[in-house]
Amino acid sequence: MKKTIRQLLLASITLAASAVAFAAKPLAGPKGGKIVTTAAPHAEFFVEKDRKVTITFYDQSLKPLALTGQVVTAVAEAKTGKVGLEFAAKGGSLVSNVALPKGDDYTVVLQVRDTASARPKIYRVEFHDEVCKECKRAEYACACDDTGEKKHDHKH
């Protein structure tokens, strides 16, 4: 009995340590965007050159998944005011109907539903479009390990 409890405790500690290690380094999106989900199916938030947002879904191996009725909406909370974004299927992803507002340093709030009638999952992306000098990704999608020994300033 004591051995079983000890094994369960050790397994729990190992899982907790793994979760902390996973949370320490952001998961890099295959397109160069930010993976907003912590578990599969993963959703990648990617800002195109025209500032429209593309949401692509991936399995746990970051292989693209087909759209199966997911519904995404977003609100960009820019300094100039809030802008609503709706998404439509295009090329296996969901693409916003309008571009993000000019500027940066604002929050984009995503509502992701697995189906039209499902309860929404809410994600927040701190939008900064400058490029990180270390990982060479847009700051909103920076994949650097900020909790480790190597630190850098995200406000270049």
C-alpha atoms as a PDB file:
ATOM      1  CA  MET A   1       0.000   0.000   0.000  1.00  0.00           C
ATOM      2  CA  LYS A   2       2.774   2.473   0.953  1.00  0.00           C
ATOM      3  CA  LYS A   3       4.663   1.537  -2.219  1.00  0.00           C
ATOM      4  CA  THR A   4       1.586   2.243  -4.376  1.00  0.00           C
ATOM      5  CA  ILE A   5       1.028   5.632  -2.737  1.00  0.00           C
ATOM      6  CA  ARG A   6       4.704   6.477  -3.188  1.00  0.00           C
ATOM      7  CA  GLN A   7       4.530   5.492  -6.883  1.00  0.00           C
ATOM      8  CA  LEU A   8       1.403   7.580  -7.404  1.00  0.00           C
ATOM      9  CA  LEU A   9       3.012  10.547  -5.674  1.00  0.00           C
ATOM     10  CA  LEU A  10       6.148  10.205  -7.806  1.00  0.00           C
ATOM     11  CA  ALA A  11       4.051   9.971 -10.980  1.00  0.00           C
ATOM     12  CA  SER A  12       2.090  13.082  -9.961  1.00  0.00           C
ATOM     13  CA  ILE A  13       5.255  15.058  -9.300  1.00  0.00           C
ATOM     14  CA  THR A  14       6.700  13.951 -12.640  1.00  0.00           C
ATOM     15  CA  LEU A  15       3.542  15.016 -14.480  1.00  0.00           C
ATOM     16  CA  ALA A  16       3.490  18.367 -12.701  1.00  0.00           C
ATOM     17  CA  ALA A  17       7.154  18.970 -13.561  1.00  0.00           C
ATOM     18  CA  SER A  18       6.451  18.084 -17.191  1.00  0.00           C
ATOM     19  CA  ALA A  19       3.540  20.512 -17.285  1.00  0.00           C
ATOM     20  CA  VAL A  20       5.723  23.295 -15.858  1.00  0.00           C
ATOM     21  CA  ALA A  21       8.459  22.529 -18.394  1.00  0.00           C
ATOM     22  CA  PHE A  22       5.913  22.590 -21.227  1.00  0.00           C
ATOM     23  CA  ALA A  23       4.461  25.889 -20.024  1.00  0.00           C
ATOM     24  CA  ALA A  24       7.934  27.413 -19.704  1.00  0.00           C
ATOM     25  CA  LYS A  25       8.626  27.451 -23.436  1.00  0.00           C
ATOM     26  CA  PRO A  26       5.842  28.495 -25.804  1.00  0.00           C
ATOM     27  CA  LEU A  27       4.951  26.042 -28.544  1.00  0.00           C
ATOM     28  CA  ALA A  28       6.007  27.477 -31.911  1.00  0.00           C
ATOM     29  CA  GLY A  29       3.331  27.490 -34.589  1.00  0.00           C
ATOM     30  CA  PRO A  30       4.235  25.874 -37.927  1.00  0.00           C
ATOM     31  CA  LYS A  31       3.256  29.019 -39.883  1.00  0.00           C
ATOM     32  CA  GLY A  32       5.187  31.291 -37.524  1.00  0.00           C
ATOM     33  CA  GLY A  33       2.196  32.245 -35.397  1.00  0.00           C
ATOM     34  CA  LYS A  34       1.249  31.691 -31.772  1.00  0.00           C
ATOM     35  CA  ILE A  35      -0.241  28.403 -30.584  1.00  0.00           C
ATOM     36  CA  VAL A  36      -2.940  29.628 -28.198  1.00  0.00           C
ATOM     37  CA  THR A  37      -4.103  26.243 -26.874  1.00  0.00           C
ATOM     38  CA  THR A  38      -2.271  24.118 -24.341  1.00  0.00           C
ATOM     39  CA  ALA A  39      -3.616  20.780 -25.616  1.00  0.00           C
ATOM     40  CA  ALA A  40      -4.578  19.318 -28.981  1.00  0.00           C
ATOM     41  CA  PRO A  41      -6.319  20.228 -31.088  1.00  0.00           C
ATOM     42  CA  HIS A  42      -3.958  23.187 -31.179  1.00  0.00           C
ATOM     43  CA  ALA A  43      -5.063  26.492 -32.685  1.00  0.00           C
ATOM     44  CA  GLU A  44      -2.445  28.761 -34.259  1.00  0.00           C
ATOM     45  CA  PHE A  45      -3.050  32.528 -34.378  1.00  0.00           C
ATOM     46  CA  PHE A  46      -1.122  33.941 -37.369  1.00  0.00           C
ATOM     47  CA  VAL A  47      -1.194  37.506 -38.700  1.00  0.00           C
ATOM     48  CA  GLU A  48      -0.772  37.695 -42.483  1.00  0.00           C
ATOM     49  CA  LYS A  49       1.076  40.519 -44.284  1.00  0.00           C
ATOM     50  CA  ASP A  50      -2.275  42.228 -44.963  1.00  0.00           C
ATOM     51  CA  ARG A  51      -2.930  42.007 -41.171  1.00  0.00           C
ATOM     52  CA  LYS A  52      -5.800  39.560 -41.577  1.00  0.00           C
ATOM     53  CA  VAL A  53      -5.707  36.760 -39.012  1.00  0.00           C
ATOM     54  CA  THR A  54      -5.513  33.089 -39.962  1.00  0.00           C
ATOM     55  CA  ILE A  55      -6.454  30.371 -37.459  1.00  0.00           C
ATOM     56  CA  THR A  56      -5.202  26.873 -38.306  1.00  0.00           C
ATOM     57  CA  PHE A  57      -5.882  23.761 -36.238  1.00  0.00           C
ATOM     58  CA  TYR A  58      -3.270  21.037 -35.609  1.00  0.00           C
ATOM     59  CA  ASP A  59      -3.061  17.650 -33.905  1.00  0.00           C
ATOM     60  CA  GLN A  60      -0.597  16.934 -31.052  1.00  0.00           C
ATOM     61  CA  SER A  61       2.202  16.400 -33.640  1.00  0.00           C
ATOM     62  CA  LEU A  62       1.405  19.810 -35.184  1.00  0.00           C
ATOM     63  CA  LYS A  63       0.053  18.230 -38.370  1.00  0.00           C
ATOM     64  CA  PRO A  64      -2.806  20.296 -39.893  1.00  0.00           C
ATOM     65  CA  LEU A  65      -6.346  19.150 -39.132  1.00  0.00           C
ATOM     66  CA  ALA A  66      -9.306  19.529 -41.456  1.00  0.00           C
ATOM     67  CA  LEU A  67     -11.953  22.002 -40.387  1.00  0.00           C
ATOM     68  CA  THR A  68     -14.901  20.227 -38.772  1.00  0.00           C
ATOM     69  CA  GLY A  69     -17.283  23.076 -38.023  1.00  0.00           C
ATOM     70  CA  GLN A  70     -15.103  25.144 -35.679  1.00  0.00           C
ATOM     71  CA  VAL A  71     -16.292  28.707 -35.179  1.00  0.00           C
ATOM     72  CA  VAL A  72     -13.899  31.530 -34.303  1.00  0.00           C
ATOM     73  CA  THR A  73     -14.574  35.183 -33.558  1.00  0.00           C
ATOM     74  CA  ALA A  74     -12.208  37.793 -32.189  1.00  0.00           C
ATOM     75  CA  VAL A  75     -12.128  41.315 -30.813  1.00  0.00           C
ATOM     76  CA  ALA A  76      -9.016  43.443 -31.268  1.00  0.00           C
ATOM     77  CA  GLU A  77      -8.870  45.860 -28.331  1.00  0.00           C
ATOM     78  CA  ALA A  78      -6.726  48.531 -30.021  1.00  0.00           C
ATOM     79  CA  LYS A  79      -6.064  51.988 -28.632  1.00  0.00           C
ATOM     80  CA  THR A  80      -8.226  53.407 -31.449  1.00  0.00           C
ATOM     81  CA  GLY A  81     -11.192  51.261 -30.375  1.00  0.00           C
ATOM     82  CA  LYS A  82     -12.463  47.697 -30.488  1.00  0.00           C
ATOM     83  CA  VAL A  83     -12.703  45.912 -33.834  1.00  0.00           C
ATOM     84  CA  GLY A  84     -14.685  42.694 -34.273  1.00  0.00           C
ATOM     85  CA  LEU A  85     -13.346  39.952 -36.541  1.00  0.00           C
ATOM     86  CA  GLU A  86     -15.350  37.086 -37.959  1.00  0.00           C
ATOM     87  CA  PHE A  87     -13.737  34.114 -39.681  1.00  0.00           C
ATOM     88  CA  ALA A  88     -14.569  32.055 -42.771  1.00  0.00           C
ATOM     89  CA  ALA A  89     -13.010  28.864 -44.130  1.00  0.00           C
ATOM     90  CA  LYS A  90     -10.290  29.362 -46.737  1.00  0.00           C
ATOM     91  CA  GLY A  91      -7.612  26.842 -47.733  1.00  0.00           C
ATOM     92  CA  GLY A  92      -8.101  24.566 -44.708  1.00  0.00           C
ATOM     93  CA  SER A  93      -7.914  27.429 -42.194  1.00  0.00           C
ATOM     94  CA  LEU A  94     -10.207  30.138 -40.864  1.00  0.00           C
ATOM     95  CA  VAL A  95      -9.379  33.646 -42.130  1.00  0.00           C
ATOM     96  CA  SER A  96     -10.678  36.912 -40.670  1.00  0.00           C
ATOM     97  CA  ASN A  97     -13.041  39.101 -42.668  1.00  0.00           C
ATOM     98  CA  VAL A  98     -11.146  42.289 -41.765  1.00  0.00           C
ATOM     99  CA  ALA A  99      -7.570  43.208 -40.926  1.00  0.00           C
ATOM    100  CA  LEU A 100      -6.291  43.997 -37.460  1.00  0.00           C
ATOM    101  CA  PRO A 101      -6.229  47.718 -36.652  1.00  0.00           C
ATOM    102  CA  LYS A 102      -3.040  49.665 -37.341  1.00  0.00           C
ATOM    103  CA  GLY A 103      -0.439  49.836 -34.609  1.00  0.00           C
ATOM    104  CA  ASP A 104       0.355  47.236 -32.022  1.00  0.00           C
ATOM    105  CA  ASP A 105       0.638  46.719 -28.268  1.00  0.00           C
ATOM    106  CA  TYR A 106      -2.990  45.703 -27.818  1.00  0.00           C
ATOM    107  CA  THR A 107      -4.926  42.571 -26.889  1.00  0.00           C
ATOM    108  CA  VAL A 108      -6.787  40.320 -29.294  1.00  0.00           C
ATOM    109  CA  VAL A 109      -9.437  38.204 -27.556  1.00  0.00           C
ATOM    110  CA  LEU A 110     -10.309  34.981 -29.414  1.00  0.00           C
ATOM    111  CA  GLN A 111     -13.435  32.888 -28.919  1.00  0.00           C
ATOM    112  CA  VAL A 112     -12.965  29.382 -30.306  1.00  0.00           C
ATOM    113  CA  ARG A 113     -15.872  26.941 -30.483  1.00  0.00           C
ATOM    114  CA  ASP A 114     -15.472  23.322 -31.576  1.00  0.00           C
ATOM    115  CA  THR A 115     -18.956  23.564 -33.126  1.00  0.00           C
ATOM    116  CA  ALA A 116     -21.457  26.383 -33.568  1.00  0.00           C
ATOM    117  CA  SER A 117     -23.372  25.235 -30.476  1.00  0.00           C
ATOM    118  CA  ALA A 118     -20.339  24.447 -28.270  1.00  0.00           C
ATOM    119  CA  ARG A 119     -19.283  26.557 -25.330  1.00  0.00           C
ATOM    120  CA  PRO A 120     -16.516  29.021 -26.358  1.00  0.00           C
ATOM    121  CA  LYS A 121     -12.930  28.774 -25.179  1.00  0.00           C
ATOM    122  CA  ILE A 122     -11.384  32.194 -24.634  1.00  0.00           C
ATOM    123  CA  TYR A 123      -7.754  33.019 -25.484  1.00  0.00           C
ATOM    124  CA  ARG A 124      -5.893  36.312 -25.289  1.00  0.00           C
ATOM    125  CA  VAL A 125      -3.013  37.305 -27.547  1.00  0.00           C
ATOM    126  CA  GLU A 126      -0.894  40.334 -26.692  1.00  0.00           C
ATOM    127  CA  PHE A 127      -0.329  41.670 -30.197  1.00  0.00           C
ATOM    128  CA  HIS A 128       3.125  43.105 -30.924  1.00  0.00           C
ATOM    129  CA  ASP A 129       4.230  42.954 -34.552  1.00  0.00           C
ATOM    130  CA  GLU A 130       7.910  43.833 -34.164  1.00  0.00           C
ATOM    131  CA  VAL A 131      10.337  40.922 -34.660  1.00  0.00           C
ATOM    132  CA  CYS A 132      12.095  39.217 -31.736  1.00  0.00           C
ATOM    133  CA  LYS A 133      15.859  39.476 -32.251  1.00  0.00           C
ATOM    134  CA  GLU A 134      16.454  35.990 -30.830  1.00  0.00           C
ATOM    135  CA  CYS A 135      13.832  33.696 -32.360  1.00  0.00           C
ATOM    136  CA  LYS A 136      13.149  35.902 -35.437  1.00  0.00           C
ATOM    137  CA  ARG A 137       9.370  35.570 -35.003  1.00  0.00           C
ATOM    138  CA  ALA A 138       6.861  38.367 -34.565  1.00  0.00           C
ATOM    139  CA  GLU A 139       6.750  39.290 -30.870  1.00  0.00           C
ATOM    140  CA  TYR A 140       3.123  38.140 -30.497  1.00  0.00           C
ATOM    141  CA  ALA A 141       4.386  34.653 -31.449  1.00  0.00           C
ATOM    142  CA  CYS A 142       7.809  34.750 -29.748  1.00  0.00           C
ATOM    143  CA  ALA A 143       9.001  31.226 -28.958  1.00  0.00           C
ATOM    144  CA  CYS A 144      11.865  32.171 -26.635  1.00  0.00           C
ATOM    145  CA  ASP A 145      12.093  30.673 -23.174  1.00  0.00           C
ATOM    146  CA  ASP A 146      11.441  33.640 -20.885  1.00  0.00           C
ATOM    147  CA  THR A 147      11.408  31.567 -17.717  1.00  0.00           C
ATOM    148  CA  GLY A 148      14.886  30.107 -18.184  1.00  0.00           C
ATOM    149  CA  GLU A 149      18.280  31.628 -17.591  1.00  0.00           C
ATOM    150  CA  LYS A 150      18.410  33.378 -20.960  1.00  0.00           C
ATOM    151  CA  LYS A 151      16.401  36.593 -20.747  1.00  0.00           C
ATOM    152  CA  HIS A 152      15.639  39.178 -23.391  1.00  0.00           C
ATOM    153  CA  ASP A 153      13.571  42.296 -23.674  1.00  0.00           C
ATOM    154  CA  HIS A 154      10.375  41.761 -25.663  1.00  0.00           C
ATOM    155  CA  LYS A 155       9.932  45.507 -26.128  1.00  0.00           C
ATOM    156  CA  HIS A 156      12.812  46.045 -28.582  1.00  0.00           C
END
